[in-house]
Amino acid sequence: MDRNFLNLDIARRVVLAIREAGSDVHSVAQAADITDSDLKDRLEGRVDFQVDELVRVGGFLRIPVTRFLEVAA
């Protein structure tokens, strides 16, 4: 599987998790200790998520980071 596809799929899973939690980019970015624009870049697939960022996002949304990474396994 292509790395770019994997990164886009991870970003898509994060977007869905944010929506399902009823949250927003600003709140998630604050909780993950990254800027709004950095999070938007990751959500739009322009920049890859780092594992520690996914852990912080998952922690804020109260979901396991494995939900974002299932596709990569």
PDB file of N, CA and C in Angstrom:
ATOM      1  N   MET A   1       0.845  -1.184   0.000  1.00  0.00           N
ATOM      2  CA  MET A   1       0.000   0.000   0.000  1.00  0.00           C
ATOM      3  C   MET A   1       0.889   1.246   0.000  1.00  0.00           C
ATOM      4  N   ASP A   2       0.520   2.194  -0.759  1.00  0.00           N
ATOM      5  CA  ASP A   2       1.254   3.443  -0.928  1.00  0.00           C
ATOM      6  C   ASP A   2       1.249   4.274   0.358  1.00  0.00           C
ATOM      7  N   ARG A   3       2.411   4.824   0.711  1.00  0.00           N
ATOM      8  CA  ARG A   3       2.546   5.611   1.948  1.00  0.00           C
ATOM      9  C   ARG A   3       1.607   6.815   1.954  1.00  0.00           C
ATOM     10  N   ASN A   4       1.478   7.491   0.818  1.00  0.00           N
ATOM     11  CA  ASN A   4       0.599   8.650   0.741  1.00  0.00           C
ATOM     12  C   ASN A   4      -0.847   8.240   1.019  1.00  0.00           C
ATOM     13  N   PHE A   5      -1.257   7.101   0.474  1.00  0.00           N
ATOM     14  CA  PHE A   5      -2.611   6.610   0.734  1.00  0.00           C
ATOM     15  C   PHE A   5      -2.799   6.330   2.217  1.00  0.00           C
ATOM     16  N   LEU A   6      -1.806   5.709   2.849  1.00  0.00           N
ATOM     17  CA  LEU A   6      -1.896   5.409   4.281  1.00  0.00           C
ATOM     18  C   LEU A   6      -2.060   6.675   5.105  1.00  0.00           C
ATOM     19  N   ASN A   7      -1.267   7.694   4.789  1.00  0.00           N
ATOM     20  CA  ASN A   7      -1.346   8.948   5.534  1.00  0.00           C
ATOM     21  C   ASN A   7      -2.696   9.629   5.348  1.00  0.00           C
ATOM     22  N   LEU A   8      -3.222   9.586   4.136  1.00  0.00           N
ATOM     23  CA  LEU A   8      -4.541  10.175   3.888  1.00  0.00           C
ATOM     24  C   LEU A   8      -5.632   9.401   4.621  1.00  0.00           C
ATOM     25  N   ASP A   9      -5.483   8.075   4.682  1.00  0.00           N
ATOM     26  CA  ASP A   9      -6.481   7.276   5.381  1.00  0.00           C
ATOM     27  C   ASP A   9      -6.440   7.532   6.886  1.00  0.00           C
ATOM     28  N   ILE A  10      -5.251   7.689   7.429  1.00  0.00           N
ATOM     29  CA  ILE A  10      -5.122   8.034   8.846  1.00  0.00           C
ATOM     30  C   ILE A  10      -5.769   9.391   9.103  1.00  0.00           C
ATOM     31  N   ALA A  11      -5.501  10.358   8.248  1.00  0.00           N
ATOM     32  CA  ALA A  11      -6.107  11.687   8.392  1.00  0.00           C
ATOM     33  C   ALA A  11      -7.630  11.599   8.325  1.00  0.00           C
ATOM     34  N   ARG A  12      -8.140  10.783   7.417  1.00  0.00           N
ATOM     35  CA  ARG A  12      -9.589  10.615   7.275  1.00  0.00           C
ATOM     36  C   ARG A  12     -10.184  10.034   8.560  1.00  0.00           C
ATOM     37  N   ARG A  13      -9.485   9.073   9.153  1.00  0.00           N
ATOM     38  CA  ARG A  13      -9.971   8.473  10.393  1.00  0.00           C
ATOM     39  C   ARG A  13      -9.991   9.496  11.535  1.00  0.00           C
ATOM     40  N   VAL A  14      -9.007  10.369  11.572  1.00  0.00           N
ATOM     41  CA  VAL A  14      -8.959  11.401  12.607  1.00  0.00           C
ATOM     42  C   VAL A  14     -10.120  12.381  12.406  1.00  0.00           C
ATOM     43  N   VAL A  15     -10.347  12.795  11.167  1.00  0.00           N
ATOM     44  CA  VAL A  15     -11.461  13.703  10.869  1.00  0.00           C
ATOM     45  C   VAL A  15     -12.784  13.086  11.327  1.00  0.00           C
ATOM     46  N   LEU A  16     -12.994  11.825  11.011  1.00  0.00           N
ATOM     47  CA  LEU A  16     -14.233  11.150  11.409  1.00  0.00           C
ATOM     48  C   LEU A  16     -14.360  11.086  12.932  1.00  0.00           C
ATOM     49  N   ALA A  17     -13.274  10.813  13.612  1.00  0.00           N
ATOM     50  CA  ALA A  17     -13.302  10.736  15.077  1.00  0.00           C
ATOM     51  C   ALA A  17     -13.652  12.090  15.692  1.00  0.00           C
ATOM     52  N   ILE A  18     -13.094  13.153  15.123  1.00  0.00           N
ATOM     53  CA  ILE A  18     -13.397  14.504  15.619  1.00  0.00           C
ATOM     54  C   ILE A  18     -14.881  14.799  15.440  1.00  0.00           C
ATOM     55  N   ARG A  19     -15.414  14.459  14.273  1.00  0.00           N
ATOM     56  CA  ARG A  19     -16.846  14.696  14.008  1.00  0.00           C
ATOM     57  C   ARG A  19     -17.724  13.871  14.937  1.00  0.00           C
ATOM     58  N   GLU A  20     -17.381  12.577  15.077  1.00  0.00           N
ATOM     59  CA  GLU A  20     -18.185  11.696  15.922  1.00  0.00           C
ATOM     60  C   GLU A  20     -18.191  12.160  17.380  1.00  0.00           C
ATOM     61  N   ALA A  21     -17.099  12.747  17.804  1.00  0.00           N
ATOM     62  CA  ALA A  21     -17.007  13.233  19.187  1.00  0.00           C
ATOM     63  C   ALA A  21     -17.713  14.579  19.357  1.00  0.00           C
ATOM     64  N   GLY A  22     -18.114  15.192  18.242  1.00  0.00           N
ATOM     65  CA  GLY A  22     -18.760  16.499  18.322  1.00  0.00           C
ATOM     66  C   GLY A  22     -17.788  17.607  18.673  1.00  0.00           C
ATOM     67  N   SER A  23     -16.520  17.397  18.345  1.00  0.00           N
ATOM     68  CA  SER A  23     -15.497  18.377  18.668  1.00  0.00           C
ATOM     69  C   SER A  23     -15.178  19.232  17.445  1.00  0.00           C
ATOM     70  N   ASP A  24     -14.167  20.068  17.570  1.00  0.00           N
ATOM     71  CA  ASP A  24     -13.759  20.940  16.474  1.00  0.00           C
ATOM     72  C   ASP A  24     -12.237  21.018  16.423  1.00  0.00           C
ATOM     73  N   VAL A  25     -11.738  21.514  15.302  1.00  0.00           N
ATOM     74  CA  VAL A  25     -10.296  21.570  15.068  1.00  0.00           C
ATOM     75  C   VAL A  25      -9.588  22.373  16.154  1.00  0.00           C
ATOM     76  N   HIS A  26     -10.130  23.502  16.526  1.00  0.00           N
ATOM     77  CA  HIS A  26      -9.470  24.357  17.512  1.00  0.00           C
ATOM     78  C   HIS A  26      -9.308  23.634  18.855  1.00  0.00           C
ATOM     79  N   SER A  27     -10.369  23.008  19.335  1.00  0.00           N
ATOM     80  CA  SER A  27     -10.314  22.306  20.624  1.00  0.00           C
ATOM     81  C   SER A  27      -9.324  21.148  20.586  1.00  0.00           C
ATOM     82  N   VAL A  28      -9.345  20.398  19.488  1.00  0.00           N
ATOM     83  CA  VAL A  28      -8.433  19.256  19.364  1.00  0.00           C
ATOM     84  C   VAL A  28      -6.997  19.732  19.267  1.00  0.00           C
ATOM     85  N   ALA A  29      -6.760  20.773  18.495  1.00  0.00           N
ATOM     86  CA  ALA A  29      -5.400  21.309  18.357  1.00  0.00           C
ATOM     87  C   ALA A  29      -4.873  21.776  19.712  1.00  0.00           C
ATOM     88  N   GLN A  30      -5.689  22.485  20.453  1.00  0.00           N
ATOM     89  CA  GLN A  30      -5.276  22.948  21.780  1.00  0.00           C
ATOM     90  C   GLN A  30      -4.923  21.773  22.680  1.00  0.00           C
ATOM     91  N   ALA A  31      -5.778  20.767  22.687  1.00  0.00           N
ATOM     92  CA  ALA A  31      -5.553  19.609  23.543  1.00  0.00           C
ATOM     93  C   ALA A  31      -4.322  18.818  23.117  1.00  0.00           C
ATOM     94  N   ALA A  32      -4.042  18.792  21.818  1.00  0.00           N
ATOM     95  CA  ALA A  32      -2.892  18.047  21.294  1.00  0.00           C
ATOM     96  C   ALA A  32      -1.621  18.881  21.301  1.00  0.00           C
ATOM     97  N   ASP A  33      -1.737  20.124  21.747  1.00  0.00           N
ATOM     98  CA  ASP A  33      -0.592  21.034  21.845  1.00  0.00           C
ATOM     99  C   ASP A  33       0.076  21.294  20.493  1.00  0.00           C
ATOM    100  N   ILE A  34      -0.778  21.497  19.475  1.00  0.00           N
ATOM    101  CA  ILE A  34      -0.296  21.928  18.157  1.00  0.00           C
ATOM    102  C   ILE A  34      -1.184  23.075  17.688  1.00  0.00           C
ATOM    103  N   THR A  35      -0.702  23.828  16.725  1.00  0.00           N
ATOM    104  CA  THR A  35      -1.489  24.960  16.242  1.00  0.00           C
ATOM    105  C   THR A  35      -2.651  24.480  15.387  1.00  0.00           C
ATOM    106  N   ASP A  36      -3.655  25.323  15.271  1.00  0.00           N
ATOM    107  CA  ASP A  36      -4.797  25.009  14.409  1.00  0.00           C
ATOM    108  C   ASP A  36      -4.332  24.731  12.980  1.00  0.00           C
ATOM    109  N   SER A  37      -3.446  25.576  12.470  1.00  0.00           N
ATOM    110  CA  SER A  37      -2.995  25.403  11.080  1.00  0.00           C
ATOM    111  C   SER A  37      -2.191  24.119  10.909  1.00  0.00           C
ATOM    112  N   ASP A  38      -1.394  23.740  11.911  1.00  0.00           N
ATOM    113  CA  ASP A  38      -0.653  22.477  11.827  1.00  0.00           C
ATOM    114  C   ASP A  38      -1.615  21.291  11.809  1.00  0.00           C
ATOM    115  N   LEU A  39      -2.654  21.344  12.642  1.00  0.00           N
ATOM    116  CA  LEU A  39      -3.625  20.257  12.644  1.00  0.00           C
ATOM    117  C   LEU A  39      -4.371  20.210  11.314  1.00  0.00           C
ATOM    118  N   LYS A  40      -4.766  21.359  10.792  1.00  0.00           N
ATOM    119  CA  LYS A  40      -5.463  21.375   9.503  1.00  0.00           C
ATOM    120  C   LYS A  40      -4.590  20.788   8.400  1.00  0.00           C
ATOM    121  N   ASP A  41      -3.299  21.112   8.401  1.00  0.00           N
ATOM    122  CA  ASP A  41      -2.378  20.534   7.413  1.00  0.00           C
ATOM    123  C   ASP A  41      -2.370  19.013   7.504  1.00  0.00           C
ATOM    124  N   ARG A  42      -2.402  18.488   8.713  1.00  0.00           N
ATOM    125  CA  ARG A  42      -2.406  17.037   8.899  1.00  0.00           C
ATOM    126  C   ARG A  42      -3.741  16.438   8.487  1.00  0.00           C
ATOM    127  N   LEU A  43      -4.819  17.092   8.832  1.00  0.00           N
ATOM    128  CA  LEU A  43      -6.151  16.586   8.483  1.00  0.00           C
ATOM    129  C   LEU A  43      -6.396  16.605   6.981  1.00  0.00           C
ATOM    130  N   GLU A  44      -5.750  17.509   6.287  1.00  0.00           N
ATOM    131  CA  GLU A  44      -5.904  17.598   4.834  1.00  0.00           C
ATOM    132  C   GLU A  44      -4.840  16.796   4.090  1.00  0.00           C
ATOM    133  N   GLY A  45      -3.974  16.107   4.830  1.00  0.00           N
ATOM    134  CA  GLY A  45      -2.995  15.223   4.214  1.00  0.00           C
ATOM    135  C   GLY A  45      -1.757  15.894   3.664  1.00  0.00           C
ATOM    136  N   ARG A  46      -1.581  17.171   3.948  1.00  0.00           N
ATOM    137  CA  ARG A  46      -0.384  17.875   3.456  1.00  0.00           C
ATOM    138  C   ARG A  46       0.853  17.538   4.276  1.00  0.00           C
ATOM    139  N   VAL A  47       0.632  17.188   5.550  1.00  0.00           N
ATOM    140  CA  VAL A  47       1.724  16.851   6.467  1.00  0.00           C
ATOM    141  C   VAL A  47       1.321  15.562   7.188  1.00  0.00           C
ATOM    142  N   ASP A  48       2.278  14.671   7.378  1.00  0.00           N
ATOM    143  CA  ASP A  48       2.009  13.411   8.076  1.00  0.00           C
ATOM    144  C   ASP A  48       1.833  13.653   9.579  1.00  0.00           C
ATOM    145  N   PHE A  49       0.920  12.906  10.178  1.00  0.00           N
ATOM    146  CA  PHE A  49       0.800  12.894  11.633  1.00  0.00           C
ATOM    147  C   PHE A  49       1.995  12.158  12.214  1.00  0.00           C
ATOM    148  N   GLN A  50       2.477  12.628  13.355  1.00  0.00           N
ATOM    149  CA  GLN A  50       3.457  11.896  14.142  1.00  0.00           C
ATOM    150  C   GLN A  50       2.684  11.048  15.154  1.00  0.00           C
ATOM    151  N   VAL A  51       3.239   9.935  15.552  1.00  0.00           N
ATOM    152  CA  VAL A  51       2.538   9.039  16.468  1.00  0.00           C
ATOM    153  C   VAL A  51       2.169   9.749  17.767  1.00  0.00           C
ATOM    154  N   ASP A  52       3.070  10.567  18.302  1.00  0.00           N
ATOM    155  CA  ASP A  52       2.757  11.260  19.559  1.00  0.00           C
ATOM    156  C   ASP A  52       1.580  12.215  19.395  1.00  0.00           C
ATOM    157  N   GLU A  53       1.424  12.807  18.224  1.00  0.00           N
ATOM    158  CA  GLU A  53       0.272  13.687  17.967  1.00  0.00           C
ATOM    159  C   GLU A  53      -1.012  12.869  17.947  1.00  0.00           C
ATOM    160  N   LEU A  54      -0.964  11.700  17.328  1.00  0.00           N
ATOM    161  CA  LEU A  54      -2.141  10.832  17.287  1.00  0.00           C
ATOM    162  C   LEU A  54      -2.516  10.365  18.687  1.00  0.00           C
ATOM    163  N   VAL A  55      -1.522  10.112  19.520  1.00  0.00           N
ATOM    164  CA  VAL A  55      -1.782   9.705  20.900  1.00  0.00           C
ATOM    165  C   VAL A  55      -2.494  10.828  21.655  1.00  0.00           C
ATOM    166  N   ARG A  56      -2.030  12.062  21.473  1.00  0.00           N
ATOM    167  CA  ARG A  56      -2.657  13.199  22.173  1.00  0.00           C
ATOM    168  C   ARG A  56      -4.072  13.457  21.658  1.00  0.00           C
ATOM    169  N   VAL A  57      -4.263  13.357  20.343  1.00  0.00           N
ATOM    170  CA  VAL A  57      -5.605  13.542  19.765  1.00  0.00           C
ATOM    171  C   VAL A  57      -6.540  12.449  20.295  1.00  0.00           C
ATOM    172  N   GLY A  58      -6.076  11.208  20.238  1.00  0.00           N
ATOM    173  CA  GLY A  58      -6.887  10.102  20.739  1.00  0.00           C
ATOM    174  C   GLY A  58      -7.205  10.247  22.215  1.00  0.00           C
ATOM    175  N   GLY A  59      -6.240  10.698  22.989  1.00  0.00           N
ATOM    176  CA  GLY A  59      -6.472  10.900  24.419  1.00  0.00           C
ATOM    177  C   GLY A  59      -7.552  11.939  24.669  1.00  0.00           C
ATOM    178  N   PHE A  60      -7.495  13.038  23.933  1.00  0.00           N
ATOM    179  CA  PHE A  60      -8.507  14.080  24.083  1.00  0.00           C
ATOM    180  C   PHE A  60      -9.891  13.573  23.685  1.00  0.00           C
ATOM    181  N   LEU A  61      -9.943  12.809  22.591  1.00  0.00           N
ATOM    182  CA  LEU A  61     -11.228  12.301  22.095  1.00  0.00           C
ATOM    183  C   LEU A  61     -11.675  11.043  22.827  1.00  0.00           C
ATOM    184  N   ARG A  62     -10.806  10.541  23.711  1.00  0.00           N
ATOM    185  CA  ARG A  62     -11.082   9.334  24.490  1.00  0.00           C
ATOM    186  C   ARG A  62     -11.292   8.111  23.615  1.00  0.00           C
ATOM    187  N   ILE A  63     -10.408   7.980  22.635  1.00  0.00           N
ATOM    188  CA  ILE A  63     -10.412   6.791  21.788  1.00  0.00           C
ATOM    189  C   ILE A  63      -8.976   6.282  21.654  1.00  0.00           C
ATOM    190  N   PRO A  64      -8.804   4.980  21.468  1.00  0.00           N
ATOM    191  CA  PRO A  64      -7.442   4.444  21.353  1.00  0.00           C
ATOM    192  C   PRO A  64      -6.789   4.861  20.038  1.00  0.00           C
ATOM    193  N   VAL A  65      -5.510   5.129  20.108  1.00  0.00           N
ATOM    194  CA  VAL A  65      -4.766   5.544  18.922  1.00  0.00           C
ATOM    195  C   VAL A  65      -4.807   4.463  17.848  1.00  0.00           C
ATOM    196  N   THR A  66      -5.014   3.218  18.232  1.00  0.00           N
ATOM    197  CA  THR A  66      -5.072   2.127  17.258  1.00  0.00           C
ATOM    198  C   THR A  66      -6.215   2.322  16.264  1.00  0.00           C
ATOM    199  N   ARG A  67      -7.216   3.058  16.650  1.00  0.00           N
ATOM    200  CA  ARG A  67      -8.325   3.329  15.713  1.00  0.00           C
ATOM    201  C   ARG A  67      -7.831   4.106  14.491  1.00  0.00           C
ATOM    202  N   PHE A  68      -6.846   4.974  14.684  1.00  0.00           N
ATOM    203  CA  PHE A  68      -6.300   5.739  13.575  1.00  0.00           C
ATOM    204  C   PHE A  68      -5.319   4.919  12.746  1.00  0.00           C
ATOM    205  N   LEU A  69      -4.697   3.942  13.376  1.00  0.00           N
ATOM    206  CA  LEU A  69      -3.602   3.213  12.738  1.00  0.00           C
ATOM    207  C   LEU A  69      -3.994   1.851  12.193  1.00  0.00           C
ATOM    208  N   GLU A  70      -5.218   1.441  12.335  1.00  0.00           N
ATOM    209  CA  GLU A  70      -5.646   0.116  11.888  1.00  0.00           C
ATOM    210  C   GLU A  70      -5.268  -0.151  10.437  1.00  0.00           C
ATOM    211  N   VAL A  71      -5.393   0.849   9.609  1.00  0.00           N
ATOM    212  CA  VAL A  71      -5.093   0.690   8.190  1.00  0.00           C
ATOM    213  C   VAL A  71      -3.614   0.414   7.951  1.00  0.00           C
ATOM    214  N   ALA A  72      -2.765   0.915   8.832  1.00  0.00           N
ATOM    215  CA  ALA A  72      -1.320   0.799   8.641  1.00  0.00           C
ATOM    216  C   ALA A  72      -0.797  -0.566   9.064  1.00  0.00           C
ATOM    217  N   ALA A  73      -1.616  -1.343   9.751  1.00  0.00           N
ATOM    218  CA  ALA A  73      -1.159  -2.638  10.259  1.00  0.00           C
ATOM    219  C   ALA A  73      -1.127  -3.694   9.176  1.00  0.00           C
TER     220      ALA A  73
END
